[in-house]
Amino acid sequence: MDSSPQVQQVKKWVDSKLSYIEILQEEIKKSQLKCQDHKSDEDKEEAAVAAQTTSSLKQDRFPPNILYSIPKALTAASNLGGQPISLEMAMGLRRMLFGSTFHIFSYEWKRSYFRFREPYADLAYALETDKGGATAIQMAVQVNIIKYLLFVRHKEENVYLQSLSELSQKEQDEALAAALADILWTAGERQKATICLVTSDTYFNPSIDYKVDYFTERVSMK
């Protein structure tokens, strides 16, 4: 039996990956059990959107103050450059995400963001997820976070799953940044990375084939 260090290290990595899959499945089950019904909040949100939409029908442009869960400080200036989104691109994005150009981001989607569990805890490496929303995307990012922590951060060392519970908040932030950068770089075929900025301008007019959400229409790619 070959007991060389390289073979032993590969076996440890395989064992770690299998353990992670089991833990991640268990974590998803726990998240599903802990989900609460946000129906009342969603009704209030939809009522507010309806009121804003009614008042905006008299205007030629979309209301400039409806960015939902995007903090005002994160709205980028339009003069930063980049490629404004077109109606065709927005429709393609809708079809890819939802299968229809009339399906807009739900209340859960708008309030979703990346947040870790408590540092130095058993699940310090895990992202928190809510019912519905962007859970599928968050789980895809979660896989890349685990990949970075186990196989990229300390390439020359033997990393055990237990070490994932010893993360500080700074290490969590670094893992998230590395995971997102790797996803964007991979999507650009290792040649470029494109990010989307929400600006204060609207880049295309409404269409009968596209339902506005006052968010996608303001995206600029850089």
C-alpha atoms as a PDB file:
ATOM      1  CA  MET A   1       0.000   0.000   0.000  1.00  0.00           C
ATOM      2  CA  ASP A   2       1.412   3.375  -1.014  1.00  0.00           C
ATOM      3  CA  SER A   3       1.706   5.579   2.071  1.00  0.00           C
ATOM      4  CA  SER A   4       3.592   8.470   0.491  1.00  0.00           C
ATOM      5  CA  PRO A   5       2.790  11.975   1.850  1.00  0.00           C
ATOM      6  CA  GLN A   6       1.152  12.969  -1.442  1.00  0.00           C
ATOM      7  CA  VAL A   7      -1.254  10.026  -1.359  1.00  0.00           C
ATOM      8  CA  GLN A   8      -2.096  10.610   2.309  1.00  0.00           C
ATOM      9  CA  GLN A   9      -2.789  14.284   1.614  1.00  0.00           C
ATOM     10  CA  VAL A  10      -5.145  13.466  -1.257  1.00  0.00           C
ATOM     11  CA  LYS A  11      -7.021  11.012   0.977  1.00  0.00           C
ATOM     12  CA  LYS A  12      -7.411  13.708   3.644  1.00  0.00           C
ATOM     13  CA  TRP A  13      -8.742  16.155   1.061  1.00  0.00           C
ATOM     14  CA  VAL A  14     -11.269  13.609  -0.204  1.00  0.00           C
ATOM     15  CA  ASP A  15     -12.414  12.847   3.342  1.00  0.00           C
ATOM     16  CA  SER A  16     -12.765  16.574   4.037  1.00  0.00           C
ATOM     17  CA  LYS A  17     -14.852  17.127   0.908  1.00  0.00           C
ATOM     18  CA  LEU A  18     -17.191  14.246   1.764  1.00  0.00           C
ATOM     19  CA  SER A  19     -17.601  15.540   5.319  1.00  0.00           C
ATOM     20  CA  TYR A  20     -18.359  19.025   4.014  1.00  0.00           C
ATOM     21  CA  ILE A  21     -21.068  17.727   1.681  1.00  0.00           C
ATOM     22  CA  GLU A  22     -22.766  15.942   4.579  1.00  0.00           C
ATOM     23  CA  ILE A  23     -22.530  19.016   6.824  1.00  0.00           C
ATOM     24  CA  LEU A  24     -23.767  21.341   4.069  1.00  0.00           C
ATOM     25  CA  GLN A  25     -26.780  19.089   3.439  1.00  0.00           C
ATOM     26  CA  GLU A  26     -27.568  19.101   7.139  1.00  0.00           C
ATOM     27  CA  GLU A  27     -27.198  22.869   7.262  1.00  0.00           C
ATOM     28  CA  ILE A  28     -29.624  23.312   4.377  1.00  0.00           C
ATOM     29  CA  LYS A  29     -32.166  21.141   6.206  1.00  0.00           C
ATOM     30  CA  LYS A  30     -31.757  23.252   9.361  1.00  0.00           C
ATOM     31  CA  SER A  31     -32.189  26.468   7.381  1.00  0.00           C
ATOM     32  CA  GLN A  32     -35.392  25.155   5.833  1.00  0.00           C
ATOM     33  CA  LEU A  33     -36.789  24.222   9.262  1.00  0.00           C
ATOM     34  CA  LYS A  34     -35.948  27.642  10.698  1.00  0.00           C
ATOM     35  CA  CYS A  35     -37.541  29.620   7.837  1.00  0.00           C
ATOM     36  CA  GLN A  36     -40.429  31.893   8.821  1.00  0.00           C
ATOM     37  CA  ASP A  37     -43.249  33.191   6.737  1.00  0.00           C
ATOM     38  CA  HIS A  38     -42.589  36.772   5.572  1.00  0.00           C
ATOM     39  CA  LYS A  39     -45.968  37.107   3.897  1.00  0.00           C
ATOM     40  CA  SER A  40     -47.033  40.189   5.866  1.00  0.00           C
ATOM     41  CA  ASP A  41     -43.748  41.942   5.092  1.00  0.00           C
ATOM     42  CA  GLU A  42     -44.069  41.026   1.437  1.00  0.00           C
ATOM     43  CA  ASP A  43     -47.635  42.402   1.322  1.00  0.00           C
ATOM     44  CA  LYS A  44     -46.446  45.701   2.779  1.00  0.00           C
ATOM     45  CA  GLU A  45     -43.576  45.834   0.296  1.00  0.00           C
ATOM     46  CA  GLU A  46     -45.848  45.093  -2.665  1.00  0.00           C
ATOM     47  CA  ALA A  47     -48.322  47.733  -1.473  1.00  0.00           C
ATOM     48  CA  ALA A  48     -45.537  50.310  -1.310  1.00  0.00           C
ATOM     49  CA  VAL A  49     -44.340  49.325  -4.787  1.00  0.00           C
ATOM     50  CA  ALA A  50     -47.875  49.610  -6.143  1.00  0.00           C
ATOM     51  CA  ALA A  51     -48.218  53.108  -4.659  1.00  0.00           C
ATOM     52  CA  GLN A  52     -44.892  54.183  -6.164  1.00  0.00           C
ATOM     53  CA  THR A  53     -45.798  52.680  -9.530  1.00  0.00           C
ATOM     54  CA  THR A  54     -49.163  54.482  -9.634  1.00  0.00           C
ATOM     55  CA  SER A  55     -47.553  57.846  -8.956  1.00  0.00           C
ATOM     56  CA  SER A  56     -44.871  57.194 -11.576  1.00  0.00           C
ATOM     57  CA  LEU A  57     -47.275  56.576 -14.450  1.00  0.00           C
ATOM     58  CA  LYS A  58     -47.432  60.319 -15.023  1.00  0.00           C
ATOM     59  CA  GLN A  59     -43.677  60.503 -15.487  1.00  0.00           C
ATOM     60  CA  ASP A  60     -41.549  59.604 -18.496  1.00  0.00           C
ATOM     61  CA  ARG A  61     -38.705  58.238 -16.387  1.00  0.00           C
ATOM     62  CA  PHE A  62     -38.655  55.634 -13.640  1.00  0.00           C
ATOM     63  CA  PRO A  63     -38.879  57.002 -10.078  1.00  0.00           C
ATOM     64  CA  PRO A  64     -35.295  57.859  -9.040  1.00  0.00           C
ATOM     65  CA  ASN A  65     -35.742  56.834  -5.402  1.00  0.00           C
ATOM     66  CA  ILE A  66     -36.866  53.188  -5.651  1.00  0.00           C
ATOM     67  CA  LEU A  67     -33.847  50.968  -5.151  1.00  0.00           C
ATOM     68  CA  TYR A  68     -35.469  48.687  -2.563  1.00  0.00           C
ATOM     69  CA  SER A  69     -32.853  46.996  -0.407  1.00  0.00           C
ATOM     70  CA  ILE A  70     -29.846  48.652  -2.078  1.00  0.00           C
ATOM     71  CA  PRO A  71     -28.420  51.151   0.461  1.00  0.00           C
ATOM     72  CA  LYS A  72     -28.286  54.677  -0.846  1.00  0.00           C
ATOM     73  CA  ALA A  73     -24.537  54.856  -0.181  1.00  0.00           C
ATOM     74  CA  LEU A  74     -23.983  51.953  -2.588  1.00  0.00           C
ATOM     75  CA  THR A  75     -25.599  53.726  -5.533  1.00  0.00           C
ATOM     76  CA  ALA A  76     -22.731  54.447  -7.922  1.00  0.00           C
ATOM     77  CA  ALA A  77     -22.286  57.692  -9.803  1.00  0.00           C
ATOM     78  CA  SER A  78     -23.209  57.479 -13.479  1.00  0.00           C
ATOM     79  CA  ASN A  79     -19.981  59.194 -14.574  1.00  0.00           C
ATOM     80  CA  LEU A  80     -17.766  56.288 -13.473  1.00  0.00           C
ATOM     81  CA  GLY A  81     -17.925  54.851 -16.965  1.00  0.00           C
ATOM     82  CA  GLY A  82     -18.812  51.341 -17.992  1.00  0.00           C
ATOM     83  CA  GLN A  83     -21.387  49.825 -20.315  1.00  0.00           C
ATOM     84  CA  PRO A  84     -25.025  50.706 -19.551  1.00  0.00           C
ATOM     85  CA  ILE A  85     -27.434  47.790 -19.644  1.00  0.00           C
ATOM     86  CA  SER A  86     -29.688  47.576 -22.701  1.00  0.00           C
ATOM     87  CA  LEU A  87     -33.262  46.347 -22.934  1.00  0.00           C
ATOM     88  CA  GLU A  88     -32.063  43.225 -24.772  1.00  0.00           C
ATOM     89  CA  MET A  89     -29.509  42.437 -22.066  1.00  0.00           C
ATOM     90  CA  ALA A  90     -32.055  42.993 -19.302  1.00  0.00           C
ATOM     91  CA  MET A  91     -34.540  40.666 -20.990  1.00  0.00           C
ATOM     92  CA  GLY A  92     -31.839  38.020 -21.429  1.00  0.00           C
ATOM     93  CA  LEU A  93     -30.936  38.300 -17.740  1.00  0.00           C
ATOM     94  CA  ARG A  94     -34.578  37.863 -16.731  1.00  0.00           C
ATOM     95  CA  ARG A  95     -34.969  34.781 -18.909  1.00  0.00           C
ATOM     96  CA  MET A  96     -31.788  33.262 -17.490  1.00  0.00           C
ATOM     97  CA  LEU A  97     -32.773  33.878 -13.862  1.00  0.00           C
ATOM     98  CA  PHE A  98     -36.534  33.422 -13.941  1.00  0.00           C
ATOM     99  CA  GLY A  99     -37.482  32.002 -17.332  1.00  0.00           C
ATOM    100  CA  SER A 100     -39.672  35.004 -18.141  1.00  0.00           C
ATOM    101  CA  THR A 101     -39.240  38.731 -18.769  1.00  0.00           C
ATOM    102  CA  PHE A 102     -42.324  39.481 -16.647  1.00  0.00           C
ATOM    103  CA  HIS A 103     -41.023  37.782 -13.502  1.00  0.00           C
ATOM    104  CA  ILE A 104     -39.348  40.438 -11.330  1.00  0.00           C
ATOM    105  CA  PHE A 105     -37.186  40.151  -8.216  1.00  0.00           C
ATOM    106  CA  SER A 106     -39.313  39.102  -5.239  1.00  0.00           C
ATOM    107  CA  TYR A 107     -39.238  40.675  -1.800  1.00  0.00           C
ATOM    108  CA  GLU A 108     -36.897  37.907  -0.593  1.00  0.00           C
ATOM    109  CA  TRP A 109     -34.579  38.505  -3.579  1.00  0.00           C
ATOM    110  CA  LYS A 110     -34.377  42.236  -2.852  1.00  0.00           C
ATOM    111  CA  ARG A 111     -33.462  41.732   0.795  1.00  0.00           C
ATOM    112  CA  SER A 112     -30.882  38.973   0.206  1.00  0.00           C
ATOM    113  CA  TYR A 113     -27.188  39.578   0.789  1.00  0.00           C
ATOM    114  CA  PHE A 114     -24.093  37.619   1.814  1.00  0.00           C
ATOM    115  CA  ARG A 115     -23.698  37.226   5.560  1.00  0.00           C
ATOM    116  CA  PHE A 116     -21.721  34.671   7.536  1.00  0.00           C
ATOM    117  CA  ARG A 117     -22.622  32.974  10.774  1.00  0.00           C
ATOM    118  CA  GLU A 118     -20.794  33.980  13.933  1.00  0.00           C
ATOM    119  CA  PRO A 119     -16.956  33.912  13.778  1.00  0.00           C
ATOM    120  CA  TYR A 120     -15.157  31.224  15.779  1.00  0.00           C
ATOM    121  CA  ALA A 121     -18.258  29.014  15.789  1.00  0.00           C
ATOM    122  CA  ASP A 122     -18.936  25.516  14.457  1.00  0.00           C
ATOM    123  CA  LEU A 123     -20.408  26.991  11.267  1.00  0.00           C
ATOM    124  CA  ALA A 124     -18.192  30.058  10.970  1.00  0.00           C
ATOM    125  CA  TYR A 125     -17.536  29.148   7.326  1.00  0.00           C
ATOM    126  CA  ALA A 126     -21.237  28.978   6.405  1.00  0.00           C
ATOM    127  CA  LEU A 127     -23.414  31.679   4.862  1.00  0.00           C
ATOM    128  CA  GLU A 128     -26.829  32.320   6.347  1.00  0.00           C
ATOM    129  CA  THR A 129     -29.720  31.956   3.934  1.00  0.00           C
ATOM    130  CA  ASP A 130     -33.385  32.874   4.126  1.00  0.00           C
ATOM    131  CA  LYS A 131     -36.459  31.273   2.643  1.00  0.00           C
ATOM    132  CA  GLY A 132     -36.603  31.619  -1.122  1.00  0.00           C
ATOM    133  CA  GLY A 133     -34.803  34.588  -2.582  1.00  0.00           C
ATOM    134  CA  ALA A 134     -31.265  34.105  -3.829  1.00  0.00           C
ATOM    135  CA  THR A 135     -30.584  30.852  -1.947  1.00  0.00           C
ATOM    136  CA  ALA A 136     -29.382  28.999  -5.049  1.00  0.00           C
ATOM    137  CA  ILE A 137     -26.836  31.715  -5.850  1.00  0.00           C
ATOM    138  CA  GLN A 138     -25.728  31.928  -2.224  1.00  0.00           C
ATOM    139  CA  MET A 139     -25.116  28.168  -2.173  1.00  0.00           C
ATOM    140  CA  ALA A 140     -23.013  28.412  -5.345  1.00  0.00           C
ATOM    141  CA  VAL A 141     -20.891  31.066  -3.639  1.00  0.00           C
ATOM    142  CA  GLN A 142     -20.736  28.880  -0.525  1.00  0.00           C
ATOM    143  CA  VAL A 143     -19.103  26.077  -2.507  1.00  0.00           C
ATOM    144  CA  ASN A 144     -16.407  28.468  -3.712  1.00  0.00           C
ATOM    145  CA  ILE A 145     -15.837  29.715  -0.169  1.00  0.00           C
ATOM    146  CA  ILE A 146     -15.201  26.155   1.008  1.00  0.00           C
ATOM    147  CA  LYS A 147     -12.904  25.518  -1.947  1.00  0.00           C
ATOM    148  CA  TYR A 148     -10.857  28.581  -1.085  1.00  0.00           C
ATOM    149  CA  LEU A 149     -10.609  27.738   2.612  1.00  0.00           C
ATOM    150  CA  LEU A 150      -9.656  24.085   2.091  1.00  0.00           C
ATOM    151  CA  PHE A 151      -7.536  24.078  -1.044  1.00  0.00           C
ATOM    152  CA  VAL A 152      -6.385  27.608  -1.919  1.00  0.00           C
ATOM    153  CA  ARG A 153      -5.683  29.613   1.219  1.00  0.00           C
ATOM    154  CA  HIS A 154      -2.967  27.269   2.525  1.00  0.00           C
ATOM    155  CA  LYS A 155      -1.846  25.265  -0.476  1.00  0.00           C
ATOM    156  CA  GLU A 156       1.221  23.735   1.171  1.00  0.00           C
ATOM    157  CA  GLU A 157      -0.496  22.685   4.402  1.00  0.00           C
ATOM    158  CA  ASN A 158      -2.813  19.871   5.397  1.00  0.00           C
ATOM    159  CA  VAL A 159      -6.144  21.566   6.120  1.00  0.00           C
ATOM    160  CA  TYR A 160      -8.811  19.817   8.172  1.00  0.00           C
ATOM    161  CA  LEU A 161     -12.529  20.564   8.255  1.00  0.00           C
ATOM    162  CA  GLN A 162     -12.257  21.468  11.926  1.00  0.00           C
ATOM    163  CA  SER A 163     -10.167  24.520  11.009  1.00  0.00           C
ATOM    164  CA  LEU A 164     -13.213  26.042   9.288  1.00  0.00           C
ATOM    165  CA  SER A 165     -14.735  26.724  12.699  1.00  0.00           C
ATOM    166  CA  GLU A 166     -11.747  28.886  13.680  1.00  0.00           C
ATOM    167  CA  LEU A 167     -12.392  31.749  11.256  1.00  0.00           C
ATOM    168  CA  SER A 168     -12.315  35.388  12.353  1.00  0.00           C
ATOM    169  CA  GLN A 169     -14.559  38.011  10.779  1.00  0.00           C
ATOM    170  CA  LYS A 170     -11.618  39.285   8.734  1.00  0.00           C
ATOM    171  CA  GLU A 171     -10.946  35.773   7.436  1.00  0.00           C
ATOM    172  CA  GLN A 172     -14.628  35.403   6.565  1.00  0.00           C
ATOM    173  CA  ASP A 173     -14.511  38.644   4.559  1.00  0.00           C
ATOM    174  CA  GLU A 174     -11.346  37.508   2.782  1.00  0.00           C
ATOM    175  CA  ALA A 175     -12.916  34.147   1.909  1.00  0.00           C
ATOM    176  CA  LEU A 176     -16.028  35.815   0.476  1.00  0.00           C
ATOM    177  CA  ALA A 177     -13.982  38.268  -1.575  1.00  0.00           C
ATOM    178  CA  ALA A 178     -11.775  35.464  -2.923  1.00  0.00           C
ATOM    179  CA  ALA A 179     -14.807  33.314  -3.791  1.00  0.00           C
ATOM    180  CA  LEU A 180     -16.589  36.121  -5.651  1.00  0.00           C
ATOM    181  CA  ALA A 181     -13.403  37.115  -7.484  1.00  0.00           C
ATOM    182  CA  ASP A 182     -12.847  33.522  -8.597  1.00  0.00           C
ATOM    183  CA  ILE A 183     -16.448  33.246  -9.846  1.00  0.00           C
ATOM    184  CA  LEU A 184     -16.222  36.498 -11.824  1.00  0.00           C
ATOM    185  CA  TRP A 185     -12.807  35.601 -13.237  1.00  0.00           C
ATOM    186  CA  THR A 186     -14.032  32.152 -14.266  1.00  0.00           C
ATOM    187  CA  ALA A 187     -17.136  33.634 -15.907  1.00  0.00           C
ATOM    188  CA  GLY A 188     -14.810  35.855 -17.958  1.00  0.00           C
ATOM    189  CA  GLU A 189     -12.795  32.801 -19.071  1.00  0.00           C
ATOM    190  CA  ARG A 190      -9.772  34.019 -17.092  1.00  0.00           C
ATOM    191  CA  GLN A 191      -9.480  36.992 -19.445  1.00  0.00           C
ATOM    192  CA  LYS A 192     -11.611  39.627 -17.720  1.00  0.00           C
ATOM    193  CA  ALA A 193     -14.019  40.165 -14.838  1.00  0.00           C
ATOM    194  CA  THR A 194     -17.221  42.195 -15.118  1.00  0.00           C
ATOM    195  CA  ILE A 195     -19.045  43.756 -12.184  1.00  0.00           C
ATOM    196  CA  CYS A 196     -22.446  45.448 -12.137  1.00  0.00           C
ATOM    197  CA  LEU A 197     -22.996  48.817 -10.475  1.00  0.00           C
ATOM    198  CA  VAL A 198     -26.401  50.249  -9.597  1.00  0.00           C
ATOM    199  CA  THR A 199     -26.416  53.878 -10.725  1.00  0.00           C
ATOM    200  CA  SER A 200     -28.826  56.781 -10.355  1.00  0.00           C
ATOM    201  CA  ASP A 201     -29.703  56.781 -14.072  1.00  0.00           C
ATOM    202  CA  THR A 202     -32.148  54.677 -16.062  1.00  0.00           C
ATOM    203  CA  TYR A 203     -30.683  53.308 -19.295  1.00  0.00           C
ATOM    204  CA  PHE A 204     -33.658  52.176 -21.340  1.00  0.00           C
ATOM    205  CA  ASN A 205     -37.377  52.853 -21.668  1.00  0.00           C
ATOM    206  CA  PRO A 206     -40.152  50.441 -20.672  1.00  0.00           C
ATOM    207  CA  SER A 207     -41.423  47.842 -23.121  1.00  0.00           C
ATOM    208  CA  ILE A 208     -44.645  45.860 -23.356  1.00  0.00           C
ATOM    209  CA  ASP A 209     -42.490  42.720 -23.297  1.00  0.00           C
ATOM    210  CA  TYR A 210     -40.616  43.662 -20.124  1.00  0.00           C
ATOM    211  CA  LYS A 211     -41.873  44.392 -16.613  1.00  0.00           C
ATOM    212  CA  VAL A 212     -39.797  47.048 -14.863  1.00  0.00           C
ATOM    213  CA  ASP A 213     -38.390  46.468 -11.352  1.00  0.00           C
ATOM    214  CA  TYR A 214     -36.661  49.877 -10.886  1.00  0.00           C
ATOM    215  CA  PHE A 215     -33.380  48.053 -10.297  1.00  0.00           C
ATOM    216  CA  THR A 216     -32.196  46.186 -13.379  1.00  0.00           C
ATOM    217  CA  GLU A 217     -32.809  49.255 -15.516  1.00  0.00           C
ATOM    218  CA  ARG A 218     -30.108  51.160 -13.601  1.00  0.00           C
ATOM    219  CA  VAL A 219     -27.273  48.655 -13.935  1.00  0.00           C
ATOM    220  CA  SER A 220     -23.960  49.638 -15.502  1.00  0.00           C
ATOM    221  CA  MET A 221     -21.312  46.998 -16.225  1.00  0.00           C
ATOM    222  CA  LYS A 222     -17.661  47.791 -15.667  1.00  0.00           C
END
